[in-house]
Amino acid sequence: MNTAQISRDFILEPADNSRLANLCGQFDEHLRQIERRLNVEIANRGNRFCVTGNPGAAKIGSEVIHSLFDMAGHERLDPERVHVCLQESVMNDTDTARVNVQSDNSDEVVEIQTKQKLVRARGANQKAYLTNINKYHLAFGIGPAGTGKTYLAVASAIDALENEYVRRIVLVRPAVEAGERLGFLPGDMSQKVDPYLRPMYDALYDMLGPEQVGRLIEKNIIEVAPLAFMRGRSLNDSFVILDEAQNTSVAQMKMFLTRIGFGSRAVVTGDITQIDLPSGQLSGLKNAIEILENVEGIAFTYFTPKDVVRHPLVQRIVEAYEADGAGHQSNG
C-alpha cells in the first residue's frame, strides 16, 4: 500500500453474531478477499471494523462491508457473491486510480424484470449500455467476454417483446468456424448451426425457461439464426441482436445493418480482441466503429476488463491477454 493511507472505523448494527460470521466467512475468507482486491487492511473485533488503505480504496472497502452485512441478513454469502459486490463497487467508479470518484448516476438502479428473473445492471458501463439500448435504434456493445454484452441485450429484447414494443425477437450470430463447410457437418441445417447459436439459447432459457422459449420459437416470435440467413430480408417491428460481430466481414456487417426496418431496434455486440476471421480480412465490427461512431442515432458502449462480472479468474485472464497485446491479434 502507498504511504497516503487513512483508516475508516465503523460499527455494524445490529450486533448479530450469526450475521457477522456470514459476512466474514470461514476463517475470515471474505474479509481477506476484499483486502486482496482493494489492497487494504481490515481489522475487526465483533461488530467494530477498521479499513485501512488509500482514501478511495478504504471508502470502497467500508461500503462493500456494509453492503455485504445487509445481504448477510437474508442470504448465505460465498466468495462469488463477494466478488460480484466488489465488482459493482469498483465499476461504479469513473477512475480506477481514484476509486472514491463515482459517476453522477452511480446510485441509479437500472434493471429489467423478465418472467423468471430480475436482471440488474452492474456498474456504470452496464447502466449506460442498457440506457443506450432503450434510447437508440442501433446500439453497439464492445468489450471482452464476461461483461454482460449479450445477456443484457437479450434481457432488453425480452422486455421489449413483453411490453409489446416489438412483435418479434431475432438473434443472429456468424458461424465463422464452419465457413463454407457447413455441408460437411452431420445433421440437418438446424443441427449444423445450433452449436454457434447455443449461447443465445442459454440466455433465453435463463430468463424465460425452455418451455416458453420453445413455444415462442414455434410461433416464430423468437428466431435464432446464422447471419447468412439475413440476406434479402427486411426486419420490421423486431428487436434484432447481432452477437459476436467481430467475426463478420465488412460486407456482412453492412448487409445486417441495412436489414433494420421500421419499428425495429438493433444491438450489435462483439470483442475486437477475439477475431476468428482469416488472417488479413478486416473485421466488419472494427470497420463499423470507424465509419459509424459519429453518426447521429447510433450509440457505442465500450467495456473494459474491469467490467467482467464472471469468475474473478476470467477478469485476470482478460487483463493478461490485454497486457500481452490482445493475444497478438493480427486481423484487421
Protein backbone atom coordinates (compact mmCIF):
# COMPACT_ATOMS: atom_id res chain seq x y z
CA MET A 1 0.00 0.00 0.00
CA ASN A 2 1.12 3.53 -0.61
CA THR A 3 2.03 5.94 2.20
CA ALA A 4 -1.08 8.16 1.86
CA GLN A 5 -3.29 5.91 3.97
CA ILE A 6 -6.35 6.57 6.05
CA SER A 7 -8.41 4.41 8.38
CA ARG A 8 -12.19 4.23 8.35
CA ASP A 9 -13.75 2.99 11.59
CA PHE A 10 -17.39 1.95 11.85
CA ILE A 11 -19.81 -0.25 13.79
CA LEU A 12 -22.24 -2.64 12.14
CA GLU A 13 -25.71 -2.82 13.67
CA PRO A 14 -27.36 -4.96 14.88
CA ALA A 15 -24.59 -6.89 16.61
CA ASP A 16 -25.72 -10.31 15.36
CA ASN A 17 -23.02 -12.97 15.69
CA SER A 18 -24.55 -15.27 13.08
CA ARG A 19 -24.83 -12.43 10.58
CA LEU A 20 -21.27 -11.28 11.28
CA ALA A 21 -19.98 -14.83 10.77
CA ASN A 22 -21.78 -14.96 7.42
CA LEU A 23 -20.23 -11.61 6.48
CA CYS A 24 -16.66 -12.56 7.40
CA GLY A 25 -16.76 -16.11 6.01
CA GLN A 26 -14.93 -19.17 7.21
CA PHE A 27 -11.58 -18.13 8.70
CA ASP A 28 -12.42 -14.55 7.58
CA GLU A 29 -12.03 -15.59 3.92
CA HIS A 30 -14.43 -12.87 2.72
CA LEU A 31 -12.50 -10.15 4.51
CA ARG A 32 -9.21 -11.44 3.08
CA GLN A 33 -10.80 -11.45 -0.39
CA ILE A 34 -11.75 -7.77 0.00
CA GLU A 35 -8.23 -6.97 1.24
CA ARG A 36 -6.59 -8.58 -1.79
CA ARG A 37 -8.97 -6.97 -4.29
CA LEU A 38 -8.69 -3.42 -2.91
CA ASN A 39 -5.19 -3.59 -1.41
CA VAL A 40 -6.45 -2.62 2.04
CA GLU A 41 -6.18 -3.99 5.58
CA ILE A 42 -9.30 -4.93 7.53
CA ALA A 43 -9.35 -5.37 11.30
CA ASN A 44 -12.41 -6.21 13.34
CA ARG A 45 -13.43 -7.03 16.88
CA GLY A 46 -17.01 -8.24 16.92
CA ASN A 47 -19.09 -5.69 15.04
CA ARG A 48 -16.40 -2.98 15.15
CA PHE A 49 -14.44 -2.68 11.90
CA CYS A 50 -11.49 -0.67 10.67
CA VAL A 51 -10.46 -0.48 6.99
CA THR A 52 -7.02 0.98 6.24
CA GLY A 53 -5.71 1.92 2.80
CA ASN A 54 -5.58 4.79 0.33
CA PRO A 55 -8.64 7.06 0.67
CA GLY A 56 -10.55 5.68 -2.31
CA ALA A 57 -9.91 2.03 -1.53
CA ALA A 58 -10.74 2.47 2.17
CA LYS A 59 -14.01 4.14 1.24
CA ILE A 60 -14.96 1.37 -1.21
CA GLY A 61 -13.92 -1.29 1.32
CA SER A 62 -16.16 0.10 4.04
CA GLU A 63 -19.07 0.43 1.59
CA VAL A 64 -18.62 -3.17 0.43
CA ILE A 65 -18.61 -4.44 4.02
CA HIS A 66 -21.79 -2.50 4.79
CA SER A 67 -23.47 -3.88 1.64
CA LEU A 68 -22.42 -7.45 2.42
CA PHE A 69 -23.63 -7.08 6.02
CA ASP A 70 -27.06 -6.07 4.69
CA MET A 71 -27.09 -9.12 2.40
CA ALA A 72 -25.88 -11.41 5.21
CA GLY A 73 -29.18 -10.89 6.99
CA HIS A 74 -31.13 -12.78 4.32
CA GLU A 75 -28.73 -14.83 2.17
CA ARG A 76 -25.72 -17.09 2.55
CA LEU A 77 -22.61 -15.29 1.31
CA ASP A 78 -19.88 -17.03 -0.66
CA PRO A 79 -16.71 -15.86 -2.46
CA GLU A 80 -18.59 -15.44 -5.75
CA ARG A 81 -21.18 -13.15 -4.15
CA VAL A 82 -18.38 -11.12 -2.53
CA HIS A 83 -16.65 -10.86 -5.91
CA VAL A 84 -19.79 -9.54 -7.61
CA CYS A 85 -20.32 -6.96 -4.84
CA LEU A 86 -16.71 -5.81 -5.21
CA GLN A 87 -17.08 -5.61 -8.97
CA GLU A 88 -20.18 -3.47 -8.70
CA SER A 89 -18.43 -1.07 -6.36
CA VAL A 90 -15.28 -0.75 -8.48
CA MET A 91 -17.21 -0.50 -11.79
CA ASN A 92 -19.29 2.37 -10.44
CA ASP A 93 -16.05 4.31 -10.13
CA THR A 94 -15.22 6.53 -13.12
CA ASP A 95 -11.47 6.41 -12.44
CA THR A 96 -9.98 3.18 -11.13
CA ALA A 97 -6.90 5.04 -9.95
CA ARG A 98 -9.16 7.04 -7.62
CA VAL A 99 -11.80 4.52 -6.60
CA ASN A 100 -13.68 7.03 -4.47
CA VAL A 101 -14.77 9.07 -7.52
CA GLN A 102 -18.19 7.91 -8.76
CA SER A 103 -20.32 8.93 -11.70
CA ASP A 104 -23.29 11.19 -11.08
CA ASN A 105 -25.77 8.36 -11.64
CA SER A 106 -23.85 5.65 -9.76
CA ASP A 107 -26.73 5.22 -7.29
CA GLU A 108 -29.35 4.87 -10.02
CA VAL A 109 -30.77 1.37 -10.30
CA VAL A 110 -31.18 0.15 -13.88
CA GLU A 111 -32.93 -3.21 -14.08
CA ILE A 112 -35.17 -5.40 -16.21
CA GLN A 113 -37.75 -7.79 -14.78
CA THR A 114 -38.26 -10.83 -17.02
CA LYS A 115 -40.72 -13.63 -16.29
CA GLN A 116 -38.17 -15.74 -14.44
CA LYS A 117 -35.61 -13.33 -13.02
CA LEU A 118 -34.61 -9.77 -12.29
CA VAL A 119 -31.68 -8.56 -14.43
CA ARG A 120 -29.83 -5.64 -12.88
CA ALA A 121 -27.08 -3.56 -14.49
CA ARG A 122 -23.83 -3.80 -12.53
CA GLY A 123 -21.68 -0.70 -12.78
CA ALA A 124 -21.63 2.47 -14.82
CA ASN A 125 -20.90 0.86 -18.21
CA GLN A 126 -23.70 -1.70 -17.95
CA LYS A 127 -26.10 1.07 -16.89
CA ALA A 128 -25.02 3.20 -19.85
CA TYR A 129 -25.38 0.17 -22.15
CA LEU A 130 -28.97 -0.56 -21.08
CA THR A 131 -29.82 3.14 -21.33
CA ASN A 132 -28.37 3.32 -24.86
CA ILE A 133 -30.29 0.20 -25.94
CA ASN A 134 -33.51 1.76 -24.68
CA LYS A 135 -32.83 5.18 -26.21
CA TYR A 136 -31.30 4.45 -29.63
CA HIS A 137 -32.48 2.40 -32.60
CA LEU A 138 -28.96 1.00 -33.01
CA ALA A 139 -26.62 0.35 -30.08
CA PHE A 140 -23.17 -1.26 -30.04
CA GLY A 141 -21.71 -3.07 -27.04
CA ILE A 142 -17.97 -3.65 -27.45
CA GLY A 143 -15.63 -5.31 -24.99
CA PRO A 144 -14.22 -8.54 -23.53
CA ALA A 145 -16.01 -11.73 -22.55
CA GLY A 146 -17.93 -11.73 -19.31
CA THR A 147 -19.05 -8.09 -19.35
CA GLY A 148 -22.74 -8.88 -19.96
CA LYS A 149 -23.00 -7.58 -23.54
CA THR A 150 -25.13 -10.41 -24.91
CA TYR A 151 -27.02 -11.20 -21.72
CA LEU A 152 -28.21 -7.62 -21.20
CA ALA A 153 -29.13 -7.28 -24.86
CA VAL A 154 -31.28 -10.43 -24.69
CA ALA A 155 -32.90 -9.15 -21.48
CA SER A 156 -33.71 -5.87 -23.25
CA ALA A 157 -35.18 -7.77 -26.19
CA ILE A 158 -37.43 -9.84 -23.93
CA ASP A 159 -38.53 -6.70 -22.10
CA ALA A 160 -39.41 -5.00 -25.41
CA LEU A 161 -41.39 -8.07 -26.53
CA GLU A 162 -43.30 -8.45 -23.27
CA ASN A 163 -44.22 -4.76 -23.31
CA GLU A 164 -45.29 -5.04 -26.97
CA TYR A 165 -42.75 -2.51 -28.23
CA VAL A 166 -41.80 -5.11 -30.85
CA ARG A 167 -43.57 -8.14 -32.30
CA ARG A 168 -40.61 -10.50 -32.52
CA ILE A 169 -37.01 -11.10 -31.49
CA VAL A 170 -34.31 -12.07 -33.99
CA LEU A 171 -30.99 -13.29 -32.59
CA VAL A 172 -28.15 -13.59 -35.08
CA ARG A 173 -24.59 -14.91 -35.00
CA PRO A 174 -21.96 -15.52 -37.68
CA ALA A 175 -20.94 -19.18 -37.96
CA VAL A 176 -17.34 -18.33 -38.74
CA GLU A 177 -15.67 -21.60 -37.85
CA ALA A 178 -17.93 -23.55 -40.20
CA GLY A 179 -17.47 -21.11 -43.08
CA GLU A 180 -18.33 -22.74 -46.40
CA ARG A 181 -18.01 -26.21 -44.89
CA LEU A 182 -21.47 -26.47 -43.30
CA GLY A 183 -22.37 -29.16 -45.81
CA PHE A 184 -19.70 -31.46 -44.44
CA LEU A 185 -21.15 -31.35 -40.91
CA PRO A 186 -23.60 -34.11 -39.88
CA GLY A 187 -27.33 -33.44 -39.45
CA ASP A 188 -29.84 -31.05 -40.95
CA MET A 189 -29.25 -27.29 -41.22
CA SER A 190 -30.59 -26.62 -37.73
CA GLN A 191 -28.23 -29.19 -36.22
CA LYS A 192 -25.31 -27.79 -38.21
CA VAL A 193 -25.68 -24.22 -36.95
CA ASP A 194 -27.08 -24.76 -33.42
CA PRO A 195 -23.64 -25.02 -31.74
CA TYR A 196 -22.81 -21.49 -32.91
CA LEU A 197 -26.09 -20.12 -31.56
CA ARG A 198 -26.13 -22.02 -28.24
CA PRO A 199 -25.02 -19.06 -26.04
CA MET A 200 -28.06 -17.10 -27.19
CA TYR A 201 -30.38 -20.01 -26.36
CA ASP A 202 -28.78 -20.19 -22.92
CA ALA A 203 -29.63 -16.55 -22.19
CA LEU A 204 -33.21 -17.06 -23.37
CA TYR A 205 -33.66 -20.18 -21.24
CA ASP A 206 -32.32 -18.39 -18.20
CA MET A 207 -34.88 -15.59 -18.48
CA LEU A 208 -37.94 -17.30 -19.95
CA GLY A 209 -37.46 -21.00 -19.33
CA PRO A 210 -37.01 -23.70 -22.02
CA GLU A 211 -40.73 -24.43 -22.47
CA GLN A 212 -41.69 -20.78 -23.07
CA VAL A 213 -38.74 -20.29 -25.42
CA GLY A 214 -39.76 -23.40 -27.35
CA ARG A 215 -43.34 -22.12 -27.77
CA LEU A 216 -42.17 -18.69 -28.92
CA ILE A 217 -39.77 -20.24 -31.44
CA GLU A 218 -42.56 -22.47 -32.78
CA LYS A 219 -44.73 -19.38 -33.29
CA ASN A 220 -41.78 -17.60 -34.99
CA ILE A 221 -41.93 -14.87 -32.34
CA ILE A 222 -38.33 -15.68 -31.48
CA GLU A 223 -35.91 -16.57 -34.26
CA VAL A 224 -32.33 -17.66 -33.71
CA ALA A 225 -30.41 -17.84 -36.94
CA PRO A 226 -26.95 -17.63 -38.52
CA LEU A 227 -26.09 -14.30 -40.10
CA ALA A 228 -26.16 -15.73 -43.64
CA PHE A 229 -29.94 -16.21 -43.30
CA MET A 230 -30.48 -12.44 -43.01
CA ARG A 231 -29.60 -11.59 -46.61
CA GLY A 232 -32.51 -10.19 -48.59
CA ARG A 233 -34.75 -9.69 -45.57
CA SER A 234 -36.25 -6.54 -44.06
CA LEU A 235 -36.99 -6.80 -40.34
CA ASN A 236 -39.85 -4.58 -39.20
CA ASP A 237 -41.19 -4.30 -35.63
CA SER A 238 -38.35 -6.52 -34.43
CA PHE A 239 -35.65 -6.48 -31.78
CA VAL A 240 -32.56 -7.74 -33.60
CA ILE A 241 -29.28 -8.72 -31.91
CA LEU A 242 -26.08 -9.46 -33.80
CA ASP A 243 -23.74 -11.29 -31.43
CA GLU A 244 -20.00 -11.97 -31.93
CA ALA A 245 -19.99 -9.23 -34.55
CA GLN A 246 -16.19 -9.11 -34.64
CA ASN A 247 -16.42 -12.21 -36.83
CA THR A 248 -18.43 -10.52 -39.59
CA SER A 249 -16.85 -9.31 -42.78
CA VAL A 250 -17.33 -5.70 -43.84
CA ALA A 251 -19.93 -6.80 -46.40
CA GLN A 252 -21.80 -8.91 -43.84
CA MET A 253 -21.93 -6.05 -41.35
CA LYS A 254 -23.28 -3.65 -43.96
CA MET A 255 -25.82 -6.28 -45.02
CA PHE A 256 -27.01 -6.76 -41.43
CA LEU A 257 -27.28 -3.06 -40.60
CA THR A 258 -29.34 -2.42 -43.72
CA ARG A 259 -31.87 -5.11 -42.66
CA ILE A 260 -33.19 -2.86 -39.87
CA GLY A 261 -36.80 -1.96 -40.68
CA PHE A 262 -39.48 0.37 -39.34
CA GLY A 263 -40.31 -0.02 -35.66
CA SER A 264 -37.19 -2.11 -35.08
CA ARG A 265 -34.30 -1.83 -32.70
CA ALA A 266 -30.87 -3.43 -33.17
CA VAL A 267 -28.00 -4.25 -30.85
CA VAL A 268 -24.55 -5.29 -32.07
CA THR A 269 -22.13 -6.95 -29.65
CA GLY A 270 -18.56 -8.07 -30.07
CA ASP A 271 -14.99 -8.23 -28.83
CA ILE A 272 -12.43 -6.87 -31.28
CA THR A 273 -9.62 -8.71 -29.45
CA GLN A 274 -11.11 -12.13 -30.37
CA ILE A 275 -11.43 -12.07 -34.14
CA ASP A 276 -11.60 -15.52 -35.81
CA LEU A 277 -11.65 -14.33 -39.41
CA PRO A 278 -8.95 -15.48 -41.84
CA SER A 279 -5.70 -13.57 -41.47
CA GLY A 280 -5.76 -10.26 -43.28
CA GLN A 281 -9.55 -9.99 -43.52
CA LEU A 282 -10.92 -6.81 -41.96
CA SER A 283 -13.49 -7.27 -39.21
CA GLY A 284 -16.86 -5.75 -40.01
CA LEU A 285 -17.16 -4.59 -36.40
CA LYS A 286 -13.85 -2.73 -36.44
CA ASN A 287 -14.81 -1.14 -39.75
CA ALA A 288 -18.25 -0.14 -38.43
CA ILE A 289 -16.72 1.56 -35.39
CA GLU A 290 -14.57 3.72 -37.66
CA ILE A 291 -17.40 4.57 -40.06
CA LEU A 292 -20.38 4.96 -37.73
CA GLU A 293 -19.02 6.27 -34.45
CA ASN A 294 -20.12 9.86 -35.18
CA VAL A 295 -23.37 9.03 -36.95
CA GLU A 296 -26.41 10.50 -35.21
CA GLY A 297 -28.82 7.98 -33.74
CA ILE A 298 -26.19 5.32 -33.03
CA ALA A 299 -24.72 4.67 -29.56
CA PHE A 300 -21.49 2.89 -28.61
CA THR A 301 -20.73 1.44 -25.17
CA TYR A 302 -17.17 0.26 -24.54
CA PHE A 303 -16.50 -2.28 -21.78
CA THR A 304 -13.14 -2.97 -20.16
CA PRO A 305 -11.73 -5.91 -18.16
CA LYS A 306 -12.87 -4.07 -15.02
CA ASP A 307 -16.48 -4.70 -16.14
CA VAL A 308 -16.11 -8.51 -16.11
CA VAL A 309 -18.64 -10.00 -13.70
CA ARG A 310 -17.88 -13.69 -14.18
CA HIS A 311 -15.47 -15.72 -12.05
CA PRO A 312 -12.57 -13.49 -10.89
CA LEU A 313 -10.18 -15.72 -12.86
CA VAL A 314 -11.91 -14.60 -16.10
CA GLN A 315 -11.08 -10.98 -15.33
CA ARG A 316 -7.43 -11.84 -14.68
CA ILE A 317 -7.25 -13.82 -17.93
CA VAL A 318 -8.75 -10.93 -19.93
CA GLU A 319 -6.34 -8.46 -18.33
CA ALA A 320 -3.36 -10.74 -19.04
CA TYR A 321 -4.25 -11.04 -22.73
CA GLU A 322 -4.85 -7.30 -22.96
CA ALA A 323 -1.43 -6.63 -21.44
CA ASP A 324 0.12 -9.01 -23.97
CA GLY A 325 -1.36 -7.10 -26.91
CA ALA A 326 -4.71 -8.90 -27.04
CA GLY A 327 -3.08 -12.21 -27.85
CA HIS A 328 -1.07 -10.67 -30.70
CA GLN A 329 -4.30 -10.16 -32.66
CA SER A 330 -3.38 -9.64 -36.31
CA ASN A 331 -6.77 -9.31 -38.00
CA GLY A 332 -7.89 -6.01 -39.47
